[in-house]
Amino acid sequence: MFNETLLDFLRGVPFQDLPESLVMAMAVFALLRLPLEGRKIALVALLQTVTNAVRLLPIAFGMHTVILTISLAFYVRMVTGVRISRAFWAVILCMLIVLGLELLYFIPLQKLSGLAYEEIVKSPALRGLFSLPYEVTLLILALVKDYYNRKAKEQAGR
């Protein structure tokens, strides 16, 4: 992505990579009806954050997304034992949510801010700010879905 350096990557970790990995892991866990266990989610999020370094590789545009999709499904499988097909389903659904939201808000937000695409992509802070809408949406999805998962489990236990 625009010849990102290791320093650029490290600057982006607290602004985009870690928060994105955290809410993505939470949403995947909730969609799989897994409890939002802090340690497991943190482990998956940290592994995924490190895997985000794939952006430093000279690979075709979009391939990093494929690699990150596969890695997240693998990490969820590794940490929880859930079937890999179910993990892929949840990860792909989350990716589609992110894609759909970015298609809806990115260009209007870019025009409103008056920033060029290259400026946004090169700045870790701006990437983080432009990621907030889908990160907040995934967080809300995870928390609401977890609430209903716990309610359903409670109802089944009666």
C-alpha atoms as a PDB file:
ATOM      1  CA  MET A   1       0.000   0.000   0.000  1.00  0.00           C
ATOM      2  CA  PHE A   2       1.861   3.090  -1.244  1.00  0.00           C
ATOM      3  CA  ASN A   3       5.311   1.680  -0.318  1.00  0.00           C
ATOM      4  CA  GLU A   4       4.568   1.490   3.388  1.00  0.00           C
ATOM      5  CA  THR A   5       7.681   1.264   5.564  1.00  0.00           C
ATOM      6  CA  LEU A   6       8.132  -0.625   8.807  1.00  0.00           C
ATOM      7  CA  LEU A   7       7.996   2.671  10.697  1.00  0.00           C
ATOM      8  CA  ASP A   8       4.703   3.581   8.956  1.00  0.00           C
ATOM      9  CA  PHE A   9       3.334   0.168   9.884  1.00  0.00           C
ATOM     10  CA  LEU A  10       4.390   0.539  13.535  1.00  0.00           C
ATOM     11  CA  ARG A  11       2.831   4.008  13.713  1.00  0.00           C
ATOM     12  CA  GLY A  12      -0.429   2.585  12.400  1.00  0.00           C
ATOM     13  CA  VAL A  13      -0.674  -0.240  14.935  1.00  0.00           C
ATOM     14  CA  PRO A  14      -2.320   1.757  17.757  1.00  0.00           C
ATOM     15  CA  PHE A  15      -4.489   3.851  15.417  1.00  0.00           C
ATOM     16  CA  GLN A  16      -5.870   1.268  13.015  1.00  0.00           C
ATOM     17  CA  ASP A  17      -4.382  -2.224  13.129  1.00  0.00           C
ATOM     18  CA  LEU A  18      -4.953  -3.122  16.783  1.00  0.00           C
ATOM     19  CA  PRO A  19      -8.428  -1.550  17.133  1.00  0.00           C
ATOM     20  CA  GLU A  20      -9.530  -3.081  13.831  1.00  0.00           C
ATOM     21  CA  SER A  21      -8.213  -6.522  14.799  1.00  0.00           C
ATOM     22  CA  LEU A  22      -9.859  -6.277  18.201  1.00  0.00           C
ATOM     23  CA  VAL A  23     -13.347  -5.369  16.989  1.00  0.00           C
ATOM     24  CA  MET A  24     -13.096  -7.813  14.076  1.00  0.00           C
ATOM     25  CA  ALA A  25     -12.218 -10.639  16.489  1.00  0.00           C
ATOM     26  CA  MET A  26     -15.080  -9.622  18.785  1.00  0.00           C
ATOM     27  CA  ALA A  27     -17.561  -9.566  15.908  1.00  0.00           C
ATOM     28  CA  VAL A  28     -16.377 -12.952  14.610  1.00  0.00           C
ATOM     29  CA  PHE A  29     -16.663 -14.488  18.093  1.00  0.00           C
ATOM     30  CA  ALA A  30     -20.172 -13.069  18.523  1.00  0.00           C
ATOM     31  CA  LEU A  31     -21.318 -14.240  15.076  1.00  0.00           C
ATOM     32  CA  LEU A  32     -20.042 -17.712  15.937  1.00  0.00           C
ATOM     33  CA  ARG A  33     -22.043 -17.573  19.192  1.00  0.00           C
ATOM     34  CA  LEU A  34     -18.825 -17.788  21.192  1.00  0.00           C
ATOM     35  CA  PRO A  35     -18.600 -15.890  24.473  1.00  0.00           C
ATOM     36  CA  LEU A  36     -16.585 -12.687  24.307  1.00  0.00           C
ATOM     37  CA  GLU A  37     -13.715 -14.018  26.404  1.00  0.00           C
ATOM     38  CA  GLY A  38     -11.119 -11.283  26.805  1.00  0.00           C
ATOM     39  CA  ARG A  39      -8.015 -13.456  26.709  1.00  0.00           C
ATOM     40  CA  LYS A  40      -9.035 -15.401  23.618  1.00  0.00           C
ATOM     41  CA  ILE A  41     -10.116 -12.267  21.778  1.00  0.00           C
ATOM     42  CA  ALA A  42      -6.906 -10.484  22.797  1.00  0.00           C
ATOM     43  CA  LEU A  43      -4.803 -13.393  21.526  1.00  0.00           C
ATOM     44  CA  VAL A  44      -6.595 -13.489  18.171  1.00  0.00           C
ATOM     45  CA  ALA A  45      -6.409  -9.679  17.880  1.00  0.00           C
ATOM     46  CA  LEU A  46      -2.685  -9.595  18.678  1.00  0.00           C
ATOM     47  CA  LEU A  47      -1.914 -12.355  16.181  1.00  0.00           C
ATOM     48  CA  GLN A  48      -3.969 -10.567  13.537  1.00  0.00           C
ATOM     49  CA  THR A  49      -2.293  -7.228  14.332  1.00  0.00           C
ATOM     50  CA  VAL A  50       1.133  -8.775  13.761  1.00  0.00           C
ATOM     51  CA  THR A  51      -0.141 -10.403  10.571  1.00  0.00           C
ATOM     52  CA  ASN A  52      -1.118  -6.940   9.303  1.00  0.00           C
ATOM     53  CA  ALA A  53       2.606  -6.526   8.568  1.00  0.00           C
ATOM     54  CA  VAL A  54       1.765  -8.386   5.343  1.00  0.00           C
ATOM     55  CA  ARG A  55       1.091  -4.890   3.949  1.00  0.00           C
ATOM     56  CA  LEU A  56       4.869  -4.424   3.879  1.00  0.00           C
ATOM     57  CA  LEU A  57       5.253  -7.207   1.309  1.00  0.00           C
ATOM     58  CA  PRO A  58       5.467  -6.348  -2.391  1.00  0.00           C
ATOM     59  CA  ILE A  59       2.315  -8.241  -3.371  1.00  0.00           C
ATOM     60  CA  ALA A  60      -0.550  -7.382  -5.702  1.00  0.00           C
ATOM     61  CA  PHE A  61      -3.153  -4.939  -4.449  1.00  0.00           C
ATOM     62  CA  GLY A  62      -5.908  -6.766  -2.580  1.00  0.00           C
ATOM     63  CA  MET A  63      -3.849  -9.854  -1.810  1.00  0.00           C
ATOM     64  CA  HIS A  64      -3.207  -8.609   1.720  1.00  0.00           C
ATOM     65  CA  THR A  65      -6.964  -8.703   2.313  1.00  0.00           C
ATOM     66  CA  VAL A  66      -7.093 -12.327   1.183  1.00  0.00           C
ATOM     67  CA  ILE A  67      -4.170 -13.205   3.465  1.00  0.00           C
ATOM     68  CA  LEU A  68      -5.745 -11.365   6.416  1.00  0.00           C
ATOM     69  CA  THR A  69      -9.085 -13.114   5.850  1.00  0.00           C
ATOM     70  CA  ILE A  70      -7.439 -16.535   5.858  1.00  0.00           C
ATOM     71  CA  SER A  71      -5.251 -15.703   8.857  1.00  0.00           C
ATOM     72  CA  LEU A  72      -8.151 -14.430  10.972  1.00  0.00           C
ATOM     73  CA  ALA A  73     -10.199 -17.549  10.261  1.00  0.00           C
ATOM     74  CA  PHE A  74      -7.163 -19.697  11.090  1.00  0.00           C
ATOM     75  CA  TYR A  75      -6.476 -17.839  14.360  1.00  0.00           C
ATOM     76  CA  VAL A  76     -10.114 -18.139  15.455  1.00  0.00           C
ATOM     77  CA  ARG A  77      -9.985 -21.856  14.672  1.00  0.00           C
ATOM     78  CA  MET A  78      -6.688 -22.251  16.516  1.00  0.00           C
ATOM     79  CA  VAL A  79      -7.851 -20.424  19.661  1.00  0.00           C
ATOM     80  CA  THR A  80     -11.431 -21.690  19.892  1.00  0.00           C
ATOM     81  CA  GLY A  81     -11.511 -25.024  18.059  1.00  0.00           C
ATOM     82  CA  VAL A  82     -14.503 -23.939  15.962  1.00  0.00           C
ATOM     83  CA  ARG A  83     -14.791 -25.521  12.506  1.00  0.00           C
ATOM     84  CA  ILE A  84     -12.741 -23.614   9.941  1.00  0.00           C
ATOM     85  CA  SER A  85     -15.732 -23.355   7.582  1.00  0.00           C
ATOM     86  CA  ARG A  86     -17.741 -21.573  10.294  1.00  0.00           C
ATOM     87  CA  ALA A  87     -14.792 -19.289  11.053  1.00  0.00           C
ATOM     88  CA  PHE A  88     -14.500 -18.374   7.356  1.00  0.00           C
ATOM     89  CA  TRP A  89     -18.217 -17.658   7.182  1.00  0.00           C
ATOM     90  CA  ALA A  90     -18.025 -15.217  10.109  1.00  0.00           C
ATOM     91  CA  VAL A  91     -14.821 -13.542   8.870  1.00  0.00           C
ATOM     92  CA  ILE A  92     -16.180 -13.096   5.349  1.00  0.00           C
ATOM     93  CA  LEU A  93     -19.433 -11.660   6.724  1.00  0.00           C
ATOM     94  CA  CYS A  94     -17.427  -9.134   8.768  1.00  0.00           C
ATOM     95  CA  MET A  95     -15.313  -8.248   5.728  1.00  0.00           C
ATOM     96  CA  LEU A  96     -18.477  -7.690   3.682  1.00  0.00           C
ATOM     97  CA  ILE A  97     -19.841  -5.410   6.408  1.00  0.00           C
ATOM     98  CA  VAL A  98     -16.596  -3.415   6.358  1.00  0.00           C
ATOM     99  CA  LEU A  99     -16.636  -3.221   2.554  1.00  0.00           C
ATOM    100  CA  GLY A 100     -20.277  -2.145   2.444  1.00  0.00           C
ATOM    101  CA  LEU A 101     -19.775   0.526   5.057  1.00  0.00           C
ATOM    102  CA  GLU A 102     -16.632   1.870   3.403  1.00  0.00           C
ATOM    103  CA  LEU A 103     -18.504   2.103   0.097  1.00  0.00           C
ATOM    104  CA  LEU A 104     -21.200   4.148   1.843  1.00  0.00           C
ATOM    105  CA  TYR A 105     -19.141   6.573   3.892  1.00  0.00           C
ATOM    106  CA  PHE A 106     -15.564   6.855   2.581  1.00  0.00           C
ATOM    107  CA  ILE A 107     -16.028   9.173  -0.410  1.00  0.00           C
ATOM    108  CA  PRO A 108     -18.524  11.493   1.326  1.00  0.00           C
ATOM    109  CA  LEU A 109     -16.224  11.693   4.357  1.00  0.00           C
ATOM    110  CA  GLN A 110     -13.221  12.291   2.104  1.00  0.00           C
ATOM    111  CA  LYS A 111     -15.031  15.119   0.275  1.00  0.00           C
ATOM    112  CA  LEU A 112     -16.211  16.589   3.566  1.00  0.00           C
ATOM    113  CA  SER A 113     -12.659  16.575   4.935  1.00  0.00           C
ATOM    114  CA  GLY A 114     -11.103  17.864   1.712  1.00  0.00           C
ATOM    115  CA  LEU A 115      -8.279  15.302   2.002  1.00  0.00           C
ATOM    116  CA  ALA A 116      -6.805  13.378  -0.902  1.00  0.00           C
ATOM    117  CA  TYR A 117      -6.959   9.572  -0.789  1.00  0.00           C
ATOM    118  CA  GLU A 118      -3.147   9.379  -0.717  1.00  0.00           C
ATOM    119  CA  GLU A 119      -3.015  11.691   2.326  1.00  0.00           C
ATOM    120  CA  ILE A 120      -5.470   9.494   4.203  1.00  0.00           C
ATOM    121  CA  VAL A 121      -3.698   6.245   3.363  1.00  0.00           C
ATOM    122  CA  LYS A 122      -0.235   7.563   4.230  1.00  0.00           C
ATOM    123  CA  SER A 123      -1.211   8.935   7.656  1.00  0.00           C
ATOM    124  CA  PRO A 124      -1.733   6.364  10.428  1.00  0.00           C
ATOM    125  CA  ALA A 125      -3.909   8.790  12.398  1.00  0.00           C
ATOM    126  CA  LEU A 126      -6.108   9.579   9.387  1.00  0.00           C
ATOM    127  CA  ARG A 127      -6.405   5.875   8.507  1.00  0.00           C
ATOM    128  CA  GLY A 128      -7.532   5.304  12.077  1.00  0.00           C
ATOM    129  CA  LEU A 129     -10.083   8.119  11.923  1.00  0.00           C
ATOM    130  CA  PHE A 130     -11.471   6.939   8.588  1.00  0.00           C
ATOM    131  CA  SER A 131     -11.736   3.402  10.027  1.00  0.00           C
ATOM    132  CA  LEU A 132     -13.812   4.506  13.016  1.00  0.00           C
ATOM    133  CA  PRO A 133     -17.254   4.166  11.376  1.00  0.00           C
ATOM    134  CA  TYR A 134     -16.834   0.488  10.565  1.00  0.00           C
ATOM    135  CA  GLU A 135     -14.946  -0.236  13.782  1.00  0.00           C
ATOM    136  CA  VAL A 136     -17.770   1.262  15.849  1.00  0.00           C
ATOM    137  CA  THR A 137     -20.312  -0.674  13.772  1.00  0.00           C
ATOM    138  CA  LEU A 138     -18.443  -3.961  14.317  1.00  0.00           C
ATOM    139  CA  LEU A 139     -18.170  -3.212  18.043  1.00  0.00           C
ATOM    140  CA  ILE A 140     -21.913  -2.557  18.296  1.00  0.00           C
ATOM    141  CA  LEU A 141     -22.617  -5.708  16.272  1.00  0.00           C
ATOM    142  CA  ALA A 142     -20.391  -7.754  18.587  1.00  0.00           C
ATOM    143  CA  LEU A 143     -21.914  -6.384  21.794  1.00  0.00           C
ATOM    144  CA  VAL A 144     -25.529  -6.665  20.626  1.00  0.00           C
ATOM    145  CA  LYS A 145     -25.026 -10.158  19.185  1.00  0.00           C
ATOM    146  CA  ASP A 146     -23.253 -11.256  22.381  1.00  0.00           C
ATOM    147  CA  TYR A 147     -26.174  -9.914  24.446  1.00  0.00           C
ATOM    148  CA  TYR A 148     -28.633 -11.984  22.388  1.00  0.00           C
ATOM    149  CA  ASN A 149     -26.321 -15.013  22.486  1.00  0.00           C
ATOM    150  CA  ARG A 150     -26.265 -14.867  26.306  1.00  0.00           C
ATOM    151  CA  LYS A 151     -30.054 -14.378  26.456  1.00  0.00           C
ATOM    152  CA  ALA A 152     -30.596 -17.403  24.182  1.00  0.00           C
ATOM    153  CA  LYS A 153     -28.218 -19.499  26.281  1.00  0.00           C
ATOM    154  CA  GLU A 154     -30.026 -18.389  29.421  1.00  0.00           C
ATOM    155  CA  GLN A 155     -33.402 -19.296  27.874  1.00  0.00           C
ATOM    156  CA  ALA A 156     -32.109 -22.708  26.807  1.00  0.00           C
ATOM    157  CA  GLY A 157     -30.893 -23.373  30.331  1.00  0.00           C
ATOM    158  CA  ARG A 158     -34.347 -22.931  31.864  1.00  0.00           C
END
